[in-house]
N, C-alpha and C. Protein backbone atom coordinates (compact mmCIF):
# COMPACT_ATOMS: atom_id res chain seq x y z
N MET A 1 155.99 82.85 136.60
CA MET A 1 156.31 84.05 135.29
C MET A 1 155.72 85.28 135.89
N PRO A 2 155.98 86.12 135.70
CA PRO A 2 155.91 87.99 136.16
C PRO A 2 154.81 88.33 135.17
N MET A 3 153.95 88.78 135.65
CA MET A 3 152.76 89.18 135.36
C MET A 3 153.43 90.76 134.34
N GLU A 4 152.62 91.13 133.08
CA GLU A 4 152.84 92.33 132.50
C GLU A 4 152.22 93.48 133.34
N GLU A 5 153.07 94.44 133.57
CA GLU A 5 152.33 95.42 134.16
C GLU A 5 151.50 96.35 133.65
N SER A 6 151.64 95.95 131.98
CA SER A 6 150.31 96.67 131.21
C SER A 6 149.09 95.96 131.64
N LEU A 7 149.21 94.75 132.00
CA LEU A 7 147.84 93.85 132.09
C LEU A 7 147.42 94.25 133.43
N ILE A 8 148.42 94.47 134.56
CA ILE A 8 147.97 94.73 135.74
C ILE A 8 147.27 96.15 135.97
N TYR A 9 147.75 97.06 135.17
CA TYR A 9 146.91 98.50 135.01
C TYR A 9 145.84 98.17 134.37
N GLU A 10 145.65 97.42 133.51
CA GLU A 10 144.65 97.71 132.50
C GLU A 10 143.20 97.13 133.70
N ILE A 11 143.57 95.86 134.45
CA ILE A 11 142.63 95.52 135.48
C ILE A 11 142.50 96.57 136.51
N LEU A 12 143.32 96.94 137.01
CA LEU A 12 143.15 98.37 138.00
C LEU A 12 142.30 99.45 137.57
N SER A 13 142.49 99.59 136.42
CA SER A 13 141.80 100.83 135.57
C SER A 13 140.30 100.78 135.56
N ALA A 14 140.30 99.20 135.20
CA ALA A 14 138.56 99.11 135.02
C ALA A 14 138.10 98.98 136.60
N VAL A 15 138.92 98.52 137.55
CA VAL A 15 138.19 98.35 138.92
C VAL A 15 137.92 99.63 139.46
N GLU A 16 138.84 100.77 138.92
CA GLU A 16 138.78 102.35 139.36
C GLU A 16 137.31 102.88 138.94
N GLU A 17 136.95 102.16 137.89
CA GLU A 17 135.67 102.67 136.93
C GLU A 17 134.60 102.46 137.80
N ILE A 18 134.55 101.51 138.63
CA ILE A 18 133.35 100.98 139.24
C ILE A 18 132.71 101.99 140.47
N PRO A 19 131.58 102.47 140.05
CA PRO A 19 131.07 103.70 140.82
C PRO A 19 130.86 103.25 142.46
N GLU A 20 130.96 104.53 143.31
CA GLU A 20 130.62 104.16 144.77
C GLU A 20 129.42 103.49 144.80
N GLY A 21 129.32 102.52 146.06
CA GLY A 21 127.65 101.98 145.85
C GLY A 21 127.51 100.92 144.85
N LYS A 22 128.41 100.57 144.49
CA LYS A 22 128.02 99.31 143.22
C LYS A 22 129.04 98.48 143.47
N VAL A 23 129.04 97.18 142.75
CA VAL A 23 130.01 96.30 142.81
C VAL A 23 129.95 95.21 141.63
N ALA A 24 131.12 94.95 141.15
CA ALA A 24 131.34 94.06 140.26
C ALA A 24 131.96 93.04 140.44
N SER A 25 131.64 91.88 139.51
CA SER A 25 132.27 90.82 140.02
C SER A 25 133.81 90.64 139.08
N TYR A 26 134.38 89.47 139.58
CA TYR A 26 135.69 89.22 138.91
C TYR A 26 135.76 89.08 137.51
N GLY A 27 134.70 88.00 137.20
CA GLY A 27 134.08 87.56 135.87
C GLY A 27 134.32 88.89 135.14
N GLN A 28 133.07 89.77 135.53
CA GLN A 28 132.67 91.08 134.89
C GLN A 28 134.12 92.04 134.36
N ILE A 29 134.82 91.87 135.36
CA ILE A 29 136.30 92.90 135.22
C ILE A 29 136.81 92.21 134.18
N ALA A 30 137.15 90.80 134.17
CA ALA A 30 137.83 90.18 133.29
C ALA A 30 137.19 90.31 131.97
N ARG A 31 135.71 90.32 131.67
CA ARG A 31 135.26 90.60 130.21
C ARG A 31 135.62 91.68 129.97
N LEU A 32 135.32 92.77 130.85
CA LEU A 32 135.61 94.41 130.50
C LEU A 32 136.86 94.29 129.87
N ILE A 33 137.62 93.89 130.26
CA ILE A 33 139.03 93.96 129.68
C ILE A 33 139.51 92.99 128.44
N GLY A 34 138.67 92.09 128.14
CA GLY A 34 138.56 91.34 127.19
C GLY A 34 139.35 89.91 127.29
N ARG A 35 139.13 89.38 128.63
CA ARG A 35 139.71 88.31 128.87
C ARG A 35 138.66 87.19 129.88
N GLU A 36 137.79 86.91 129.04
CA GLU A 36 136.66 86.60 129.57
C GLU A 36 137.01 85.13 130.86
N LYS A 37 138.28 84.45 130.37
CA LYS A 37 138.35 83.32 131.24
C LYS A 37 139.34 83.66 132.33
N ASN A 38 139.72 85.01 132.44
CA ASN A 38 140.74 85.20 133.61
C ASN A 38 140.14 85.86 134.70
N ALA A 39 138.99 85.54 135.23
CA ALA A 39 138.52 85.84 136.65
C ALA A 39 139.47 85.61 137.78
N ARG A 40 140.47 84.42 137.90
CA ARG A 40 140.99 84.29 138.64
C ARG A 40 142.59 85.05 138.58
N LEU A 41 142.77 85.41 137.68
CA LEU A 41 143.85 86.58 137.23
C LEU A 41 143.51 87.65 138.01
N VAL A 42 141.93 88.39 137.63
CA VAL A 42 141.69 89.51 138.36
C VAL A 42 141.97 89.15 139.84
N GLY A 43 141.31 88.25 140.71
CA GLY A 43 141.53 88.09 141.71
C GLY A 43 143.02 88.29 142.24
N LYS A 44 144.02 87.62 141.32
CA LYS A 44 145.37 87.63 141.87
C LYS A 44 145.85 89.07 141.99
N VAL A 45 145.73 89.57 140.72
CA VAL A 45 146.11 91.34 140.73
C VAL A 45 145.27 92.14 141.72
N LEU A 46 144.02 92.10 141.93
CA LEU A 46 143.43 92.76 143.37
C LEU A 46 144.36 92.45 144.47
N SER A 47 144.73 91.09 144.67
CA SER A 47 145.26 90.82 145.97
C SER A 47 146.61 91.56 146.31
N MET A 48 147.23 91.99 145.02
CA MET A 48 148.33 92.85 145.63
C MET A 48 148.67 93.94 144.91
N ALA A 49 147.12 94.68 144.49
CA ALA A 49 146.74 95.86 144.40
C ALA A 49 147.67 97.07 145.01
N TYR A 50 147.76 96.91 146.45
CA TYR A 50 148.25 98.02 147.10
C TYR A 50 149.61 98.20 146.82
N LEU A 51 150.27 97.43 145.79
CA LEU A 51 151.34 97.56 145.30
C LEU A 51 151.58 98.66 144.24
N TYR A 52 150.30 98.90 143.96
CA TYR A 52 150.22 99.93 142.49
C TYR A 52 149.82 101.41 142.97
N GLY A 53 149.46 101.63 144.20
CA GLY A 53 148.56 102.87 144.31
C GLY A 53 147.34 102.20 145.10
N SER A 54 146.31 103.20 145.24
CA SER A 54 144.95 103.11 145.87
C SER A 54 143.95 102.95 145.22
N TYR A 55 143.20 101.64 144.91
CA TYR A 55 142.22 101.36 143.94
C TYR A 55 140.99 100.83 144.82
N PRO A 56 139.57 101.09 144.71
CA PRO A 56 138.69 100.43 145.27
C PRO A 56 138.27 98.90 144.94
N CYS A 57 139.26 98.43 145.37
CA CYS A 57 139.09 96.66 145.03
C CYS A 57 138.05 96.13 145.96
N HIS A 58 137.60 96.76 146.96
CA HIS A 58 136.38 96.06 147.86
C HIS A 58 135.32 96.35 146.98
N ARG A 59 134.99 96.75 146.10
CA ARG A 59 134.07 96.80 145.10
C ARG A 59 134.14 95.49 144.30
N VAL A 60 134.87 94.73 144.12
CA VAL A 60 134.90 93.41 143.41
C VAL A 60 134.55 92.44 144.34
N VAL A 61 133.63 91.38 143.87
CA VAL A 61 133.47 90.51 145.00
C VAL A 61 133.08 89.43 143.86
N ASN A 62 132.63 88.16 144.22
CA ASN A 62 132.50 87.05 143.49
C ASN A 62 130.85 87.25 142.33
N HIS A 63 130.82 86.26 142.12
CA HIS A 63 129.87 86.04 140.93
C HIS A 63 128.38 86.12 141.83
N ALA A 64 128.50 85.33 142.84
CA ALA A 64 127.43 85.32 143.93
C ALA A 64 127.23 86.38 144.69
N GLY A 65 128.07 87.42 145.06
CA GLY A 65 128.15 88.35 145.65
C GLY A 65 128.84 88.27 146.94
N ARG A 66 129.93 87.17 147.08
CA ARG A 66 130.53 86.62 148.36
C ARG A 66 132.04 87.72 148.28
N THR A 67 131.85 88.22 149.54
CA THR A 67 133.30 88.80 149.76
C THR A 67 134.67 88.38 149.53
N ALA A 68 135.46 88.67 149.82
CA ALA A 68 137.01 87.91 149.67
C ALA A 68 137.30 87.27 150.90
N PRO A 69 137.51 86.06 151.09
CA PRO A 69 137.78 85.29 152.26
C PRO A 69 138.72 86.07 153.08
N GLY A 70 138.91 86.19 154.18
CA GLY A 70 139.82 86.79 155.08
C GLY A 70 139.93 87.85 155.02
N TRP A 71 139.13 88.94 154.36
CA TRP A 71 139.16 90.41 154.28
C TRP A 71 138.02 91.01 154.80
N LYS A 72 137.69 90.93 156.27
CA LYS A 72 136.72 91.66 156.90
C LYS A 72 136.43 92.83 156.64
N GLU A 73 137.00 93.70 156.50
CA GLU A 73 136.66 94.68 156.15
C GLU A 73 136.25 95.18 155.08
N GLN A 74 136.44 94.42 154.05
CA GLN A 74 135.74 94.68 152.59
C GLN A 74 133.99 95.15 153.00
N ARG A 75 133.76 94.15 153.72
CA ARG A 75 131.91 94.42 154.03
C ARG A 75 131.67 95.45 154.74
N CYS A 76 132.92 96.01 155.64
CA CYS A 76 132.69 97.64 156.40
C CYS A 76 132.71 98.45 155.23
N LEU A 77 133.47 98.36 154.19
CA LEU A 77 133.98 99.47 153.29
C LEU A 77 132.69 99.66 152.34
N LEU A 78 131.97 98.16 152.01
CA LEU A 78 131.13 98.43 151.04
C LEU A 78 129.41 98.81 151.98
N GLU A 79 129.22 98.47 153.01
CA GLU A 79 128.26 98.86 153.64
C GLU A 79 128.50 100.67 153.89
N SER A 80 129.65 101.04 154.27
CA SER A 80 129.87 102.74 154.23
C SER A 80 129.52 103.33 152.91
N GLU A 81 129.63 102.76 151.69
CA GLU A 81 129.14 103.10 150.57
C GLU A 81 127.58 102.78 150.30
N GLY A 82 126.85 102.47 151.34
CA GLY A 82 125.39 102.25 151.15
C GLY A 82 124.95 100.85 150.40
N VAL A 83 126.10 99.63 150.35
CA VAL A 83 125.88 98.59 149.66
C VAL A 83 125.22 97.64 150.80
N LYS A 84 124.30 96.84 150.59
CA LYS A 84 123.32 96.31 151.50
C LYS A 84 123.58 94.48 151.29
N PHE A 85 123.83 93.98 152.39
CA PHE A 85 123.99 92.37 152.27
C PHE A 85 122.61 91.77 152.45
N LYS A 86 122.69 90.55 151.94
CA LYS A 86 121.35 89.73 152.18
C LYS A 86 121.69 88.76 153.64
N SER A 87 120.41 87.85 153.87
CA SER A 87 120.89 87.26 155.31
C SER A 87 121.68 86.38 155.09
N ASN A 88 122.31 85.93 153.81
CA ASN A 88 123.46 84.96 153.43
C ASN A 88 124.56 85.68 153.69
N GLY A 89 124.79 86.72 153.73
CA GLY A 89 125.94 87.49 153.71
C GLY A 89 126.65 87.78 152.38
N CYS A 90 125.93 87.50 151.31
CA CYS A 90 126.26 88.06 150.26
C CYS A 90 125.88 89.76 149.61
N VAL A 91 126.47 90.14 149.00
CA VAL A 91 125.59 91.62 148.16
C VAL A 91 124.53 90.87 147.48
N ASP A 92 123.76 91.76 147.47
CA ASP A 92 122.62 91.24 146.64
C ASP A 92 122.82 92.20 145.32
N MET A 93 123.27 91.13 144.46
CA MET A 93 123.98 91.22 143.02
C MET A 93 122.98 91.96 141.80
N LYS A 94 121.71 91.55 142.25
CA LYS A 94 120.53 92.09 141.43
C LYS A 94 120.32 93.49 141.67
N LYS A 95 120.55 94.04 143.10
CA LYS A 95 120.53 95.48 143.19
C LYS A 95 121.59 96.50 142.99
N TYR A 96 122.92 95.91 143.28
CA TYR A 96 124.25 96.33 143.64
C TYR A 96 125.50 96.43 142.43
N GLN A 97 124.79 95.36 141.55
CA GLN A 97 126.17 95.20 140.46
C GLN A 97 126.05 96.46 139.77
N TRP A 98 127.22 96.53 139.31
CA TRP A 98 127.48 98.03 138.28
C TRP A 98 127.07 97.22 137.01
N LYS A 99 126.20 98.48 136.20
CA LYS A 99 125.58 97.75 134.77
C LYS A 99 126.41 98.92 134.17
N ILE A 100 127.24 98.15 132.94
CA ILE A 100 127.95 98.50 132.45
C ILE A 100 127.43 99.32 130.90
């Protein structure tokens, strides 16, 4: 079943709001658009965001601060914005999570 473009753009618009040097979780984006239980849907949309333009998808991590599997550039992009990683390889969510 194809996704509604309006939903895709709603997710991407929320991601676009994340300030440089901050991160949001998939669940946080889902809550922001009123779809609290749809964190995986957010991840699916972000995996194909390149089809819709340029969005700062690298600023979205999981709730524990883990980057997307198989996307090595994500960490470099975040570090270039000043985001620091803990010794376990996760973003320090207490320090860098976007407060809405």
